[in-house]
Amino acid sequence: MKQVERDLLILLHEDRYNEQQIQYAVKQISDMLTVVETMDYLCNVMEVADCNRNRVTSKRTILKKVFARREHKPFEFIIHKN
């Protein structure tokens, strides 16, 4: 998988961690975000509630369309299943 360039802001106490520990923590956080930011993961943990059509769905095609829209439809909600 391609390595992603991202900016992370991590607040740490300077005297508790050395440079190697900080780099390890940043790599772990980046790896976790890489897993969470995939469409497969989002389809498993998110669903769309469309009050206009009285339906709730977690189909991949519907989620892609909803995420791609610049303006969201009224009474259409993206819900985290947690």
N, C-alpha and C. Protein backbone atom coordinates (compact mmCIF):
# COMPACT_ATOMS: atom_id res chain seq x y z
N MET A 1 0.84 -1.18 0.00
CA MET A 1 0.00 0.00 0.00
C MET A 1 0.88 1.24 0.00
N LYS A 2 0.46 2.25 -0.72
CA LYS A 2 1.23 3.48 -0.85
C LYS A 2 1.25 4.25 0.47
N GLN A 3 2.42 4.73 0.85
CA GLN A 3 2.56 5.51 2.07
C GLN A 3 1.93 6.89 1.85
N VAL A 4 1.14 7.35 2.79
CA VAL A 4 0.42 8.60 2.67
C VAL A 4 1.17 9.69 3.42
N GLU A 5 1.28 10.84 2.79
CA GLU A 5 1.87 12.00 3.45
C GLU A 5 0.76 12.75 4.17
N ARG A 6 0.93 12.98 5.45
CA ARG A 6 -0.09 13.70 6.21
C ARG A 6 0.58 14.51 7.31
N ASP A 7 -0.09 15.53 7.75
CA ASP A 7 0.38 16.33 8.86
C ASP A 7 -0.34 15.87 10.12
N LEU A 8 0.42 15.53 11.13
CA LEU A 8 -0.14 15.12 12.41
C LEU A 8 0.36 16.06 13.50
N LEU A 9 -0.52 16.43 14.39
CA LEU A 9 -0.13 17.23 15.54
C LEU A 9 -0.26 16.34 16.76
N ILE A 10 0.87 16.04 17.38
CA ILE A 10 0.90 15.16 18.55
C ILE A 10 1.53 15.94 19.69
N LEU A 11 0.81 16.03 20.79
CA LEU A 11 1.31 16.76 21.95
C LEU A 11 1.89 15.77 22.96
N LEU A 12 3.16 15.93 23.28
CA LEU A 12 3.86 15.04 24.20
C LEU A 12 4.69 15.87 25.17
N HIS A 13 4.97 15.29 26.32
CA HIS A 13 5.92 15.91 27.24
C HIS A 13 7.32 15.63 26.70
N GLU A 14 8.12 16.66 26.55
CA GLU A 14 9.44 16.50 25.95
C GLU A 14 10.35 15.58 26.75
N ASP A 15 10.28 15.65 28.05
CA ASP A 15 11.22 14.89 28.86
C ASP A 15 10.86 13.41 29.00
N ARG A 16 9.69 13.00 28.59
CA ARG A 16 9.27 11.60 28.77
C ARG A 16 9.63 10.70 27.60
N TYR A 17 9.76 11.25 26.39
CA TYR A 17 9.94 10.43 25.21
C TYR A 17 11.20 10.84 24.45
N ASN A 18 11.89 9.85 23.92
CA ASN A 18 13.03 10.17 23.05
C ASN A 18 12.54 10.18 21.60
N GLU A 19 13.41 10.55 20.68
CA GLU A 19 13.04 10.70 19.28
C GLU A 19 12.55 9.39 18.66
N GLN A 20 13.16 8.28 19.04
CA GLN A 20 12.78 6.97 18.50
C GLN A 20 11.36 6.59 18.94
N GLN A 21 11.00 6.86 20.18
CA GLN A 21 9.66 6.56 20.67
C GLN A 21 8.61 7.43 19.97
N ILE A 22 8.96 8.68 19.72
CA ILE A 22 8.04 9.58 19.05
C ILE A 22 7.80 9.11 17.61
N GLN A 23 8.87 8.74 16.90
CA GLN A 23 8.72 8.26 15.53
C GLN A 23 7.90 6.98 15.47
N TYR A 24 8.07 6.10 16.46
CA TYR A 24 7.29 4.86 16.52
C TYR A 24 5.80 5.17 16.73
N ALA A 25 5.50 6.12 17.63
CA ALA A 25 4.11 6.50 17.89
C ALA A 25 3.47 7.13 16.65
N VAL A 26 4.20 7.96 15.95
CA VAL A 26 3.68 8.59 14.73
C VAL A 26 3.41 7.54 13.67
N LYS A 27 4.29 6.57 13.54
CA LYS A 27 4.08 5.50 12.55
C LYS A 27 2.84 4.67 12.91
N GLN A 28 2.64 4.37 14.18
CA GLN A 28 1.46 3.61 14.59
C GLN A 28 0.17 4.38 14.31
N ILE A 29 0.16 5.66 14.61
CA ILE A 29 -1.03 6.48 14.35
C ILE A 29 -1.31 6.54 12.85
N SER A 30 -0.28 6.73 12.06
CA SER A 30 -0.44 6.80 10.61
C SER A 30 -0.97 5.47 10.06
N ASP A 31 -0.47 4.35 10.57
CA ASP A 31 -0.96 3.04 10.14
C ASP A 31 -2.43 2.84 10.50
N MET A 32 -2.83 3.28 11.69
CA MET A 32 -4.23 3.17 12.09
C MET A 32 -5.13 4.01 11.19
N LEU A 33 -4.70 5.22 10.88
CA LEU A 33 -5.50 6.09 10.01
C LEU A 33 -5.61 5.54 8.60
N THR A 34 -4.57 4.88 8.12
CA THR A 34 -4.60 4.29 6.78
C THR A 34 -5.67 3.22 6.70
N VAL A 35 -5.84 2.43 7.75
CA VAL A 35 -6.87 1.39 7.77
C VAL A 35 -8.26 2.01 7.85
N VAL A 36 -8.42 3.01 8.68
CA VAL A 36 -9.73 3.60 8.94
C VAL A 36 -10.23 4.43 7.75
N GLU A 37 -9.34 4.98 6.95
CA GLU A 37 -9.74 5.87 5.87
C GLU A 37 -10.12 5.15 4.58
N THR A 38 -10.24 3.85 4.58
CA THR A 38 -10.61 3.13 3.36
C THR A 38 -12.13 3.08 3.22
N MET A 39 -12.61 2.96 1.99
CA MET A 39 -14.05 2.91 1.74
C MET A 39 -14.66 1.63 2.30
N ASP A 40 -13.93 0.53 2.29
CA ASP A 40 -14.45 -0.72 2.85
C ASP A 40 -14.75 -0.57 4.34
N TYR A 41 -13.85 0.07 5.05
CA TYR A 41 -14.06 0.28 6.48
C TYR A 41 -15.24 1.21 6.72
N LEU A 42 -15.32 2.29 5.95
CA LEU A 42 -16.43 3.22 6.10
C LEU A 42 -17.77 2.55 5.83
N CYS A 43 -17.82 1.66 4.86
CA CYS A 43 -19.07 0.95 4.55
C CYS A 43 -19.48 0.03 5.69
N ASN A 44 -18.53 -0.47 6.44
CA ASN A 44 -18.86 -1.34 7.56
C ASN A 44 -19.34 -0.58 8.78
N VAL A 45 -18.89 0.66 8.95
CA VAL A 45 -19.20 1.38 10.19
C VAL A 45 -20.15 2.56 10.01
N MET A 46 -20.53 2.87 8.77
CA MET A 46 -21.42 4.01 8.52
C MET A 46 -22.67 3.54 7.78
N GLU A 47 -23.73 4.33 7.91
CA GLU A 47 -24.94 4.08 7.14
C GLU A 47 -25.61 5.42 6.84
N VAL A 48 -26.44 5.40 5.83
CA VAL A 48 -27.14 6.61 5.41
C VAL A 48 -28.62 6.44 5.75
N ALA A 49 -29.15 7.40 6.50
CA ALA A 49 -30.57 7.41 6.81
C ALA A 49 -31.21 8.50 5.96
N ASP A 50 -32.07 8.09 5.03
CA ASP A 50 -32.75 9.02 4.14
C ASP A 50 -34.20 9.12 4.61
N CYS A 51 -34.51 10.21 5.29
CA CYS A 51 -35.87 10.39 5.81
C CYS A 51 -36.87 10.70 4.71
N ASN A 52 -36.41 11.19 3.56
CA ASN A 52 -37.30 11.47 2.44
C ASN A 52 -37.84 10.18 1.83
N ARG A 53 -37.03 9.13 1.82
CA ARG A 53 -37.44 7.85 1.23
C ARG A 53 -37.72 6.79 2.28
N ASN A 54 -37.60 7.13 3.54
CA ASN A 54 -37.84 6.22 4.66
C ASN A 54 -36.99 4.96 4.55
N ARG A 55 -35.67 5.15 4.36
CA ARG A 55 -34.79 3.98 4.27
C ARG A 55 -33.46 4.28 4.95
N VAL A 56 -32.88 3.20 5.43
CA VAL A 56 -31.54 3.24 6.02
C VAL A 56 -30.72 2.19 5.27
N THR A 57 -29.55 2.60 4.76
CA THR A 57 -28.74 1.67 3.98
C THR A 57 -27.26 1.88 4.27
N SER A 58 -26.51 0.81 4.09
CA SER A 58 -25.05 0.91 4.19
C SER A 58 -24.41 0.35 2.92
N LYS A 59 -25.15 0.43 1.81
CA LYS A 59 -24.61 -0.04 0.52
C LYS A 59 -23.47 0.87 0.08
N ARG A 60 -22.46 0.24 -0.46
CA ARG A 60 -21.25 0.96 -0.87
C ARG A 60 -21.53 2.05 -1.90
N THR A 61 -22.37 1.75 -2.89
CA THR A 61 -22.64 2.72 -3.95
C THR A 61 -23.36 3.96 -3.41
N ILE A 62 -24.29 3.75 -2.51
CA ILE A 62 -25.02 4.88 -1.92
C ILE A 62 -24.08 5.72 -1.07
N LEU A 63 -23.26 5.06 -0.26
CA LEU A 63 -22.32 5.80 0.59
C LEU A 63 -21.34 6.61 -0.25
N LYS A 64 -20.85 6.05 -1.34
CA LYS A 64 -19.93 6.79 -2.21
C LYS A 64 -20.59 8.05 -2.77
N LYS A 65 -21.84 7.91 -3.20
CA LYS A 65 -22.56 9.06 -3.75
C LYS A 65 -22.75 10.14 -2.68
N VAL A 66 -23.11 9.72 -1.49
CA VAL A 66 -23.35 10.69 -0.41
C VAL A 66 -22.05 11.40 -0.03
N PHE A 67 -20.95 10.67 0.08
CA PHE A 67 -19.68 11.29 0.44
C PHE A 67 -19.16 12.21 -0.66
N ALA A 68 -19.50 11.92 -1.92
CA ALA A 68 -18.98 12.70 -3.03
C ALA A 68 -19.74 14.00 -3.26
N ARG A 69 -20.94 14.11 -2.73
CA ARG A 69 -21.74 15.32 -2.95
C ARG A 69 -21.13 16.53 -2.27
N ARG A 70 -21.21 17.65 -2.96
CA ARG A 70 -20.76 18.92 -2.35
C ARG A 70 -21.80 19.45 -1.38
N GLU A 71 -23.06 19.35 -1.76
CA GLU A 71 -24.15 19.78 -0.88
C GLU A 71 -25.01 18.56 -0.56
N HIS A 72 -25.30 18.40 0.71
CA HIS A 72 -26.10 17.25 1.13
C HIS A 72 -27.58 17.55 1.01
N LYS A 73 -28.35 16.51 0.77
CA LYS A 73 -29.79 16.66 0.66
C LYS A 73 -30.39 16.90 2.05
N PRO A 74 -31.50 17.63 2.09
CA PRO A 74 -32.16 17.82 3.40
C PRO A 74 -32.70 16.48 3.92
N PHE A 75 -32.58 16.29 5.20
CA PHE A 75 -33.08 15.11 5.90
C PHE A 75 -32.43 13.81 5.42
N GLU A 76 -31.19 13.91 5.00
CA GLU A 76 -30.38 12.73 4.67
C GLU A 76 -29.18 12.76 5.61
N PHE A 77 -29.04 11.75 6.43
CA PHE A 77 -28.03 11.78 7.49
C PHE A 77 -27.04 10.64 7.34
N ILE A 78 -25.79 10.93 7.61
CA ILE A 78 -24.74 9.92 7.66
C ILE A 78 -24.56 9.57 9.12
N ILE A 79 -24.76 8.31 9.44
CA ILE A 79 -24.75 7.87 10.84
C ILE A 79 -23.65 6.86 11.06
N HIS A 80 -22.92 7.04 12.14
CA HIS A 80 -21.92 6.05 12.55
C HIS A 80 -22.65 4.99 13.36
N LYS A 81 -22.41 3.74 13.05
CA LYS A 81 -23.14 2.64 13.71
C LYS A 81 -22.76 2.44 15.17
N ASN A 82 -21.70 3.08 15.59
CA ASN A 82 -21.27 2.92 16.97
C ASN A 82 -22.28 3.58 17.84
